[in-house]
Amino acid sequence: DRNGPCINSIISTNPRALEEADRLDA
């Protein structure tokens, strides 16, 4: 999205996404 073909579909990513994933894994 940001490199390669640069589809440019995502404006921002969630800075807490990995933290939320850890919570769900637990």
mmCIF file of all heavy atoms, coordinates in Angstrom:
data_MODEL
# 
_entry.id   MODEL 
# 
loop_
_atom_site.group_PDB 
_atom_site.id 
_atom_site.type_symbol 
_atom_site.label_atom_id 
_atom_site.label_alt_id 
_atom_site.label_comp_id 
_atom_site.label_asym_id 
_atom_site.label_entity_id 
_atom_site.label_seq_id 
_atom_site.pdbx_PDB_ins_code 
_atom_site.Cartn_x 
_atom_site.Cartn_y 
_atom_site.Cartn_z 
_atom_site.occupancy 
_atom_site.B_iso_or_equiv 
_atom_site.pdbx_formal_charge 
_atom_site.auth_seq_id 
_atom_site.auth_comp_id 
_atom_site.auth_asym_id 
_atom_site.auth_atom_id 
_atom_site.pdbx_PDB_model_num 
ATOM 1   N N   . ASP A 1 1  ? 0.831   -1.204  0.000  1.00 0.00 ? 1  ASP A N   1 
ATOM 2   C CA  . ASP A 1 1  ? 0.000   0.000   0.000  1.00 0.00 ? 1  ASP A CA  1 
ATOM 3   C C   . ASP A 1 1  ? 0.865   1.253   0.000  1.00 0.00 ? 1  ASP A C   1 
ATOM 4   O O   . ASP A 1 1  ? 0.557   2.210   -0.705 1.00 0.00 ? 1  ASP A O   1 
ATOM 5   C CB  . ASP A 1 1  ? -0.934  0.005   1.218  1.00 0.00 ? 1  ASP A CB  1 
ATOM 6   C CG  . ASP A 1 1  ? -2.138  0.897   1.011  1.00 0.00 ? 1  ASP A CG  1 
ATOM 7   O OD1 . ASP A 1 1  ? -2.900  0.634   0.055  1.00 0.00 ? 1  ASP A OD1 1 
ATOM 8   O OD2 . ASP A 1 1  ? -2.332  1.847   1.789  1.00 0.00 ? 1  ASP A OD2 1 
ATOM 9   N N   . ARG A 1 2  ? 1.925   1.236   0.793  1.00 0.00 ? 2  ARG A N   1 
ATOM 10  C CA  . ARG A 1 2  ? 2.790   2.408   0.895  1.00 0.00 ? 2  ARG A CA  1 
ATOM 11  C C   . ARG A 1 2  ? 4.008   2.309   -0.021 1.00 0.00 ? 2  ARG A C   1 
ATOM 12  O O   . ARG A 1 2  ? 4.654   3.317   -0.314 1.00 0.00 ? 2  ARG A O   1 
ATOM 13  C CB  . ARG A 1 2  ? 3.235   2.591   2.342  1.00 0.00 ? 2  ARG A CB  1 
ATOM 14  C CG  . ARG A 1 2  ? 2.065   2.899   3.260  1.00 0.00 ? 2  ARG A CG  1 
ATOM 15  C CD  . ARG A 1 2  ? 2.423   2.889   4.720  1.00 0.00 ? 2  ARG A CD  1 
ATOM 16  N NE  . ARG A 1 2  ? 1.274   3.279   5.537  1.00 0.00 ? 2  ARG A NE  1 
ATOM 17  C CZ  . ARG A 1 2  ? 1.190   3.144   6.849  1.00 0.00 ? 2  ARG A CZ  1 
ATOM 18  N NH1 . ARG A 1 2  ? 2.215   2.641   7.519  1.00 0.00 ? 2  ARG A NH1 1 
ATOM 19  N NH2 . ARG A 1 2  ? 0.116   3.514   7.505  1.00 0.00 ? 2  ARG A NH2 1 
ATOM 20  N N   . ASN A 1 3  ? 4.330   1.091   -0.442 1.00 0.00 ? 3  ASN A N   1 
ATOM 21  C CA  . ASN A 1 3  ? 5.458   0.846   -1.344 1.00 0.00 ? 3  ASN A CA  1 
ATOM 22  C C   . ASN A 1 3  ? 4.983   -0.072  -2.472 1.00 0.00 ? 3  ASN A C   1 
ATOM 23  O O   . ASN A 1 3  ? 3.801   -0.338  -2.602 1.00 0.00 ? 3  ASN A O   1 
ATOM 24  C CB  . ASN A 1 3  ? 6.631   0.230   -0.572 1.00 0.00 ? 3  ASN A CB  1 
ATOM 25  C CG  . ASN A 1 3  ? 7.207   1.192   0.457  1.00 0.00 ? 3  ASN A CG  1 
ATOM 26  O OD1 . ASN A 1 3  ? 7.900   2.135   0.105  1.00 0.00 ? 3  ASN A OD1 1 
ATOM 27  N ND2 . ASN A 1 3  ? 6.909   0.960   1.734  1.00 0.00 ? 3  ASN A ND2 1 
ATOM 28  N N   . GLY A 1 4  ? 5.926   -0.533  -3.287 1.00 0.00 ? 4  GLY A N   1 
ATOM 29  C CA  . GLY A 1 4  ? 5.552   -1.428  -4.370 1.00 0.00 ? 4  GLY A CA  1 
ATOM 30  C C   . GLY A 1 4  ? 4.532   -0.766  -5.290 1.00 0.00 ? 4  GLY A C   1 
ATOM 31  O O   . GLY A 1 4  ? 4.794   0.323   -5.831 1.00 0.00 ? 4  GLY A O   1 
ATOM 32  N N   . PRO A 1 5  ? 3.364   -1.385  -5.461 1.00 0.00 ? 5  PRO A N   1 
ATOM 33  C CA  . PRO A 1 5  ? 2.346   -0.772  -6.333 1.00 0.00 ? 5  PRO A CA  1 
ATOM 34  C C   . PRO A 1 5  ? 1.746   0.507   -5.774 1.00 0.00 ? 5  PRO A C   1 
ATOM 35  O O   . PRO A 1 5  ? 1.058   1.229   -6.494 1.00 0.00 ? 5  PRO A O   1 
ATOM 36  C CB  . PRO A 1 5  ? 1.282   -1.875  -6.449 1.00 0.00 ? 5  PRO A CB  1 
ATOM 37  C CG  . PRO A 1 5  ? 1.458   -2.712  -5.218 1.00 0.00 ? 5  PRO A CG  1 
ATOM 38  C CD  . PRO A 1 5  ? 2.936   -2.696  -4.933 1.00 0.00 ? 5  PRO A CD  1 
ATOM 39  N N   . CYS A 1 6  ? 1.973   0.775   -4.496 1.00 0.00 ? 6  CYS A N   1 
ATOM 40  C CA  . CYS A 1 6  ? 1.441   1.988   -3.835 1.00 0.00 ? 6  CYS A CA  1 
ATOM 41  C C   . CYS A 1 6  ? -0.057  2.137   -4.085 1.00 0.00 ? 6  CYS A C   1 
ATOM 42  O O   . CYS A 1 6  ? -0.514  3.137   -4.653 1.00 0.00 ? 6  CYS A O   1 
ATOM 43  C CB  . CYS A 1 6  ? 2.194   3.231   -4.300 1.00 0.00 ? 6  CYS A CB  1 
ATOM 44  S SG  . CYS A 1 6  ? 3.910   3.297   -3.759 1.00 0.00 ? 6  CYS A SG  1 
ATOM 45  N N   . ILE A 1 7  ? -0.811  1.150   -3.639 1.00 0.00 ? 7  ILE A N   1 
ATOM 46  C CA  . ILE A 1 7  ? -2.256  1.184   -3.842 1.00 0.00 ? 7  ILE A CA  1 
ATOM 47  C C   . ILE A 1 7  ? -2.873  2.394   -3.149 1.00 0.00 ? 7  ILE A C   1 
ATOM 48  O O   . ILE A 1 7  ? -3.834  2.983   -3.632 1.00 0.00 ? 7  ILE A O   1 
ATOM 49  C CB  . ILE A 1 7  ? -2.887  -0.134  -3.347 1.00 0.00 ? 7  ILE A CB  1 
ATOM 50  C CG1 . ILE A 1 7  ? -2.380  -1.294  -4.227 1.00 0.00 ? 7  ILE A CG1 1 
ATOM 51  C CG2 . ILE A 1 7  ? -4.414  -0.073  -3.398 1.00 0.00 ? 7  ILE A CG2 1 
ATOM 52  C CD1 . ILE A 1 7  ? -2.664  -2.668  -3.640 1.00 0.00 ? 7  ILE A CD1 1 
ATOM 53  N N   . ASN A 1 8  ? -2.318  2.779   -2.001 1.00 0.00 ? 8  ASN A N   1 
ATOM 54  C CA  . ASN A 1 8  ? -2.730  4.006   -1.313 1.00 0.00 ? 8  ASN A CA  1 
ATOM 55  C C   . ASN A 1 8  ? -4.176  3.911   -0.824 1.00 0.00 ? 8  ASN A C   1 
ATOM 56  O O   . ASN A 1 8  ? -4.990  4.803   -1.062 1.00 0.00 ? 8  ASN A O   1 
ATOM 57  C CB  . ASN A 1 8  ? -2.547  5.219   -2.235 1.00 0.00 ? 8  ASN A CB  1 
ATOM 58  C CG  . ASN A 1 8  ? -2.604  6.543   -1.497 1.00 0.00 ? 8  ASN A CG  1 
ATOM 59  O OD1 . ASN A 1 8  ? -2.344  6.611   -0.298 1.00 0.00 ? 8  ASN A OD1 1 
ATOM 60  N ND2 . ASN A 1 8  ? -2.982  7.601   -2.202 1.00 0.00 ? 8  ASN A ND2 1 
ATOM 61  N N   . SER A 1 9  ? -4.469  2.838   -0.097 1.00 0.00 ? 9  SER A N   1 
ATOM 62  C CA  . SER A 1 9  ? -5.830  2.635   0.411  1.00 0.00 ? 9  SER A CA  1 
ATOM 63  C C   . SER A 1 9  ? -5.965  2.870   1.911  1.00 0.00 ? 9  SER A C   1 
ATOM 64  O O   . SER A 1 9  ? -7.089  2.933   2.421  1.00 0.00 ? 9  SER A O   1 
ATOM 65  C CB  . SER A 1 9  ? -6.287  1.206   0.095  1.00 0.00 ? 9  SER A CB  1 
ATOM 66  O OG  . SER A 1 9  ? -5.542  0.245   0.831  1.00 0.00 ? 9  SER A OG  1 
ATOM 67  N N   . ILE A 1 10 ? -4.853  2.975   2.624  1.00 0.00 ? 10 ILE A N   1 
ATOM 68  C CA  . ILE A 1 10 ? -4.870  3.119   4.085  1.00 0.00 ? 10 ILE A CA  1 
ATOM 69  C C   . ILE A 1 10 ? -4.321  4.487   4.477  1.00 0.00 ? 10 ILE A C   1 
ATOM 70  O O   . ILE A 1 10 ? -3.183  4.831   4.129  1.00 0.00 ? 10 ILE A O   1 
ATOM 71  C CB  . ILE A 1 10 ? -4.039  2.006   4.765  1.00 0.00 ? 10 ILE A CB  1 
ATOM 72  C CG1 . ILE A 1 10 ? -4.564  0.618   4.375  1.00 0.00 ? 10 ILE A CG1 1 
ATOM 73  C CG2 . ILE A 1 10 ? -4.049  2.186   6.280  1.00 0.00 ? 10 ILE A CG2 1 
ATOM 74  C CD1 . ILE A 1 10 ? -5.970  0.320   4.871  1.00 0.00 ? 10 ILE A CD1 1 
ATOM 75  N N   . ILE A 1 11 ? -5.128  5.262   5.199  1.00 0.00 ? 11 ILE A N   1 
ATOM 76  C CA  . ILE A 1 11 ? -4.684  6.584   5.647  1.00 0.00 ? 11 ILE A CA  1 
ATOM 77  C C   . ILE A 1 11 ? -3.834  6.463   6.911  1.00 0.00 ? 11 ILE A C   1 
ATOM 78  O O   . ILE A 1 11 ? -2.788  7.104   7.034  1.00 0.00 ? 11 ILE A O   1 
ATOM 79  C CB  . ILE A 1 11 ? -5.888  7.508   5.901  1.00 0.00 ? 11 ILE A CB  1 
ATOM 80  C CG1 . ILE A 1 11 ? -6.529  7.882   4.563  1.00 0.00 ? 11 ILE A CG1 1 
ATOM 81  C CG2 . ILE A 1 11 ? -5.478  8.772   6.654  1.00 0.00 ? 11 ILE A CG2 1 
ATOM 82  C CD1 . ILE A 1 11 ? -7.735  8.798   4.679  1.00 0.00 ? 11 ILE A CD1 1 
ATOM 83  N N   . SER A 1 12 ? -4.287  5.640   7.862  1.00 0.00 ? 12 SER A N   1 
ATOM 84  C CA  . SER A 1 12 ? -3.536  5.485   9.109  1.00 0.00 ? 12 SER A CA  1 
ATOM 85  C C   . SER A 1 12 ? -3.695  4.066   9.620  1.00 0.00 ? 12 SER A C   1 
ATOM 86  O O   . SER A 1 12 ? -4.689  3.397   9.323  1.00 0.00 ? 12 SER A O   1 
ATOM 87  C CB  . SER A 1 12 ? -4.028  6.475   10.171 1.00 0.00 ? 12 SER A CB  1 
ATOM 88  O OG  . SER A 1 12 ? -5.386  6.240   10.504 1.00 0.00 ? 12 SER A OG  1 
ATOM 89  N N   . THR A 1 13 ? -2.705  3.608   10.378 1.00 0.00 ? 13 THR A N   1 
ATOM 90  C CA  . THR A 1 13 ? -2.811  2.317   11.050 1.00 0.00 ? 13 THR A CA  1 
ATOM 91  C C   . THR A 1 13 ? -2.935  2.555   12.553 1.00 0.00 ? 13 THR A C   1 
ATOM 92  O O   . THR A 1 13 ? -2.539  3.597   13.068 1.00 0.00 ? 13 THR A O   1 
ATOM 93  C CB  . THR A 1 13 ? -1.594  1.419   10.753 1.00 0.00 ? 13 THR A CB  1 
ATOM 94  O OG1 . THR A 1 13 ? -0.391  2.121   11.085 1.00 0.00 ? 13 THR A OG1 1 
ATOM 95  C CG2 . THR A 1 13 ? -1.560  1.014   9.292  1.00 0.00 ? 13 THR A CG2 1 
ATOM 96  N N   . ASN A 1 14 ? -3.483  1.576   13.212 1.00 0.00 ? 14 ASN A N   1 
ATOM 97  C CA  . ASN A 1 14 ? -3.783  1.698   14.634 1.00 0.00 ? 14 ASN A CA  1 
ATOM 98  C C   . ASN A 1 14 ? -2.520  1.450   15.462 1.00 0.00 ? 14 ASN A C   1 
ATOM 99  O O   . ASN A 1 14 ? -1.976  0.334   15.445 1.00 0.00 ? 14 ASN A O   1 
ATOM 100 C CB  . ASN A 1 14 ? -4.868  0.688   15.012 1.00 0.00 ? 14 ASN A CB  1 
ATOM 101 C CG  . ASN A 1 14 ? -5.398  0.891   16.416 1.00 0.00 ? 14 ASN A CG  1 
ATOM 102 O OD1 . ASN A 1 14 ? -4.772  1.519   17.250 1.00 0.00 ? 14 ASN A OD1 1 
ATOM 103 N ND2 . ASN A 1 14 ? -6.572  0.333   16.680 1.00 0.00 ? 14 ASN A ND2 1 
ATOM 104 N N   . PRO A 1 15 ? -2.035  2.441   16.199 1.00 0.00 ? 15 PRO A N   1 
ATOM 105 C CA  . PRO A 1 15 ? -0.815  2.243   16.989 1.00 0.00 ? 15 PRO A CA  1 
ATOM 106 C C   . PRO A 1 15 ? -0.992  1.246   18.126 1.00 0.00 ? 15 PRO A C   1 
ATOM 107 O O   . PRO A 1 15 ? -0.005  0.774   18.690 1.00 0.00 ? 15 PRO A O   1 
ATOM 108 C CB  . PRO A 1 15 ? -0.516  3.648   17.524 1.00 0.00 ? 15 PRO A CB  1 
ATOM 109 C CG  . PRO A 1 15 ? -1.834  4.347   17.544 1.00 0.00 ? 15 PRO A CG  1 
ATOM 110 C CD  . PRO A 1 15 ? -2.588  3.807   16.353 1.00 0.00 ? 15 PRO A CD  1 
ATOM 111 N N   . ARG A 1 16 ? -2.242  0.900   18.452 1.00 0.00 ? 16 ARG A N   1 
ATOM 112 C CA  . ARG A 1 16 ? -2.498  -0.052  19.532 1.00 0.00 ? 16 ARG A CA  1 
ATOM 113 C C   . ARG A 1 16 ? -2.977  -1.404  19.025 1.00 0.00 ? 16 ARG A C   1 
ATOM 114 O O   . ARG A 1 16 ? -3.423  -2.231  19.818 1.00 0.00 ? 16 ARG A O   1 
ATOM 115 C CB  . ARG A 1 16 ? -3.531  0.549   20.487 1.00 0.00 ? 16 ARG A CB  1 
ATOM 116 C CG  . ARG A 1 16 ? -3.024  1.778   21.240 1.00 0.00 ? 16 ARG A CG  1 
ATOM 117 C CD  . ARG A 1 16 ? -4.074  2.388   22.142 1.00 0.00 ? 16 ARG A CD  1 
ATOM 118 N NE  . ARG A 1 16 ? -4.615  1.417   23.092 1.00 0.00 ? 16 ARG A NE  1 
ATOM 119 C CZ  . ARG A 1 16 ? -5.677  1.651   23.867 1.00 0.00 ? 16 ARG A CZ  1 
ATOM 120 N NH1 . ARG A 1 16 ? -6.302  2.814   23.792 1.00 0.00 ? 16 ARG A NH1 1 
ATOM 121 N NH2 . ARG A 1 16 ? -6.097  0.729   24.708 1.00 0.00 ? 16 ARG A NH2 1 
ATOM 122 N N   . ALA A 1 17 ? -2.860  -1.647  17.728 1.00 0.00 ? 17 ALA A N   1 
ATOM 123 C CA  . ALA A 1 17 ? -3.388  -2.893  17.177 1.00 0.00 ? 17 ALA A CA  1 
ATOM 124 C C   . ALA A 1 17 ? -2.671  -4.123  17.742 1.00 0.00 ? 17 ALA A C   1 
ATOM 125 O O   . ALA A 1 17 ? -3.310  -5.122  18.088 1.00 0.00 ? 17 ALA A O   1 
ATOM 126 C CB  . ALA A 1 17 ? -3.283  -2.871  15.654 1.00 0.00 ? 17 ALA A CB  1 
ATOM 127 N N   . LEU A 1 18 ? -1.350  -4.055  17.845 1.00 0.00 ? 18 LEU A N   1 
ATOM 128 C CA  . LEU A 1 18 ? -0.613  -5.201  18.378 1.00 0.00 ? 18 LEU A CA  1 
ATOM 129 C C   . LEU A 1 18 ? -0.911  -5.402  19.858 1.00 0.00 ? 18 LEU A C   1 
ATOM 130 O O   . LEU A 1 18 ? -1.010  -6.545  20.338 1.00 0.00 ? 18 LEU A O   1 
ATOM 131 C CB  . LEU A 1 18 ? 0.884   -5.019  18.148 1.00 0.00 ? 18 LEU A CB  1 
ATOM 132 C CG  . LEU A 1 18 ? 1.342   -5.128  16.693 1.00 0.00 ? 18 LEU A CG  1 
ATOM 133 C CD1 . LEU A 1 18 ? 2.782   -4.672  16.546 1.00 0.00 ? 18 LEU A CD1 1 
ATOM 134 C CD2 . LEU A 1 18 ? 1.166   -6.555  16.180 1.00 0.00 ? 18 LEU A CD2 1 
ATOM 135 N N   . GLU A 1 19 ? -1.080  -4.311  20.584 1.00 0.00 ? 19 GLU A N   1 
ATOM 136 C CA  . GLU A 1 19 ? -1.449  -4.400  22.004 1.00 0.00 ? 19 GLU A CA  1 
ATOM 137 C C   . GLU A 1 19 ? -2.817  -5.068  22.164 1.00 0.00 ? 19 GLU A C   1 
ATOM 138 O O   . GLU A 1 19 ? -3.013  -5.913  23.046 1.00 0.00 ? 19 GLU A O   1 
ATOM 139 C CB  . GLU A 1 19 ? -1.467  -2.985  22.585 1.00 0.00 ? 19 GLU A CB  1 
ATOM 140 C CG  . GLU A 1 19 ? -1.915  -2.883  24.024 1.00 0.00 ? 19 GLU A CG  1 
ATOM 141 C CD  . GLU A 1 19 ? -2.043  -1.438  24.469 1.00 0.00 ? 19 GLU A CD  1 
ATOM 142 O OE1 . GLU A 1 19 ? -1.282  -0.583  23.967 1.00 0.00 ? 19 GLU A OE1 1 
ATOM 143 O OE2 . GLU A 1 19 ? -2.903  -1.151  25.320 1.00 0.00 ? 19 GLU A OE2 1 
ATOM 144 N N   . GLU A 1 20 ? -3.756  -4.699  21.306 1.00 0.00 ? 20 GLU A N   1 
ATOM 145 C CA  . GLU A 1 20 ? -5.077  -5.308  21.348 1.00 0.00 ? 20 GLU A CA  1 
ATOM 146 C C   . GLU A 1 20 ? -5.001  -6.793  20.982 1.00 0.00 ? 20 GLU A C   1 
ATOM 147 O O   . GLU A 1 20 ? -5.685  -7.636  21.572 1.00 0.00 ? 20 GLU A O   1 
ATOM 148 C CB  . GLU A 1 20 ? -6.025  -4.574  20.400 1.00 0.00 ? 20 GLU A CB  1 
ATOM 149 C CG  . GLU A 1 20 ? -7.434  -5.114  20.330 1.00 0.00 ? 20 GLU A CG  1 
ATOM 150 C CD  . GLU A 1 20 ? -8.201  -5.029  21.639 1.00 0.00 ? 20 GLU A CD  1 
ATOM 151 O OE1 . GLU A 1 20 ? -7.733  -4.360  22.583 1.00 0.00 ? 20 GLU A OE1 1 
ATOM 152 O OE2 . GLU A 1 20 ? -9.268  -5.667  21.728 1.00 0.00 ? 20 GLU A OE2 1 
ATOM 153 N N   . ALA A 1 21 ? -4.145  -7.116  20.018 1.00 0.00 ? 21 ALA A N   1 
ATOM 154 C CA  . ALA A 1 21 ? -3.958  -8.519  19.644 1.00 0.00 ? 21 ALA A CA  1 
ATOM 155 C C   . ALA A 1 21 ? -3.403  -9.323  20.821 1.00 0.00 ? 21 ALA A C   1 
ATOM 156 O O   . ALA A 1 21 ? -3.848  -10.460 21.076 1.00 0.00 ? 21 ALA A O   1 
ATOM 157 C CB  . ALA A 1 21 ? -3.023  -8.605  18.443 1.00 0.00 ? 21 ALA A CB  1 
ATOM 158 N N   . ASP A 1 22 ? -2.450  -8.753  21.533 1.00 0.00 ? 22 ASP A N   1 
ATOM 159 C CA  . ASP A 1 22 ? -1.903  -9.437  22.713 1.00 0.00 ? 22 ASP A CA  1 
ATOM 160 C C   . ASP A 1 22 ? -3.001  -9.693  23.751 1.00 0.00 ? 22 ASP A C   1 
ATOM 161 O O   . ASP A 1 22 ? -3.048  -10.767 24.375 1.00 0.00 ? 22 ASP A O   1 
ATOM 162 C CB  . ASP A 1 22 ? -0.787  -8.599  23.337 1.00 0.00 ? 22 ASP A CB  1 
ATOM 163 C CG  . ASP A 1 22 ? 0.487   -8.606  22.510 1.00 0.00 ? 22 ASP A CG  1 
ATOM 164 O OD1 . ASP A 1 22 ? 0.658   -9.528  21.686 1.00 0.00 ? 22 ASP A OD1 1 
ATOM 165 O OD2 . ASP A 1 22 ? 1.305   -7.679  22.687 1.00 0.00 ? 22 ASP A OD2 1 
ATOM 166 N N   . ARG A 1 23 ? -3.858  -8.707  23.955 1.00 0.00 ? 23 ARG A N   1 
ATOM 167 C CA  . ARG A 1 23 ? -4.950  -8.872  24.919 1.00 0.00 ? 23 ARG A CA  1 
ATOM 168 C C   . ARG A 1 23 ? -5.874  -10.021 24.508 1.00 0.00 ? 23 ARG A C   1 
ATOM 169 O O   . ARG A 1 23 ? -6.270  -10.851 25.346 1.00 0.00 ? 23 ARG A O   1 
ATOM 170 C CB  . ARG A 1 23 ? -5.760  -7.578  25.025 1.00 0.00 ? 23 ARG A CB  1 
ATOM 171 C CG  . ARG A 1 23 ? -6.859  -7.617  26.092 1.00 0.00 ? 23 ARG A CG  1 
ATOM 172 C CD  . ARG A 1 23 ? -7.742  -6.390  26.046 1.00 0.00 ? 23 ARG A CD  1 
ATOM 173 N NE  . ARG A 1 23 ? -8.587  -6.362  24.870 1.00 0.00 ? 23 ARG A NE  1 
ATOM 174 C CZ  . ARG A 1 23 ? -9.733  -7.042  24.750 1.00 0.00 ? 23 ARG A CZ  1 
ATOM 175 N NH1 . ARG A 1 23 ? -10.153 -7.834  25.730 1.00 0.00 ? 23 ARG A NH1 1 
ATOM 176 N NH2 . ARG A 1 23 ? -10.444 -6.953  23.638 1.00 0.00 ? 23 ARG A NH2 1 
ATOM 177 N N   . LEU A 1 24 ? -6.169  -10.093 23.216 1.00 0.00 ? 24 LEU A N   1 
ATOM 178 C CA  . LEU A 1 24 ? -7.056  -11.159 22.734 1.00 0.00 ? 24 LEU A CA  1 
ATOM 179 C C   . LEU A 1 24 ? -6.365  -12.520 22.785 1.00 0.00 ? 24 LEU A C   1 
ATOM 180 O O   . LEU A 1 24 ? -7.002  -13.539 23.080 1.00 0.00 ? 24 LEU A O   1 
ATOM 181 C CB  . LEU A 1 24 ? -7.527  -10.838 21.320 1.00 0.00 ? 24 LEU A CB  1 
ATOM 182 C CG  . LEU A 1 24 ? -8.542  -9.684  21.245 1.00 0.00 ? 24 LEU A CG  1 
ATOM 183 C CD1 . LEU A 1 24 ? -8.688  -9.192  19.810 1.00 0.00 ? 24 LEU A CD1 1 
ATOM 184 C CD2 . LEU A 1 24 ? -9.895  -10.128 21.790 1.00 0.00 ? 24 LEU A CD2 1 
ATOM 185 N N   . ASP A 1 25 ? -5.060  -12.563 22.518 1.00 0.00 ? 25 ASP A N   1 
ATOM 186 C CA  . ASP A 1 25 ? -4.332  -13.832 22.637 1.00 0.00 ? 25 ASP A CA  1 
ATOM 187 C C   . ASP A 1 25 ? -4.353  -14.325 24.079 1.00 0.00 ? 25 ASP A C   1 
ATOM 188 O O   . ASP A 1 25 ? -4.537  -15.533 24.333 1.00 0.00 ? 25 ASP A O   1 
ATOM 189 C CB  . ASP A 1 25 ? -2.882  -13.654 22.163 1.00 0.00 ? 25 ASP A CB  1 
ATOM 190 C CG  . ASP A 1 25 ? -2.765  -13.589 20.646 1.00 0.00 ? 25 ASP A CG  1 
ATOM 191 O OD1 . ASP A 1 25 ? -3.646  -14.146 19.952 1.00 0.00 ? 25 ASP A OD1 1 
ATOM 192 O OD2 . ASP A 1 25 ? -1.792  -12.985 20.145 1.00 0.00 ? 25 ASP A OD2 1 
ATOM 193 N N   . ALA A 1 26 ? -4.191  -13.407 25.011 1.00 0.00 ? 26 ALA A N   1 
ATOM 194 C CA  . ALA A 1 26 ? -4.230  -13.791 26.422 1.00 0.00 ? 26 ALA A CA  1 
ATOM 195 C C   . ALA A 1 26 ? -5.623  -14.264 26.817 1.00 0.00 ? 26 ALA A C   1 
ATOM 196 O O   . ALA A 1 26 ? -5.774  -15.254 27.558 1.00 0.00 ? 26 ALA A O   1 
ATOM 197 C CB  . ALA A 1 26 ? -3.804  -12.607 27.288 1.00 0.00 ? 26 ALA A CB  1 
# 
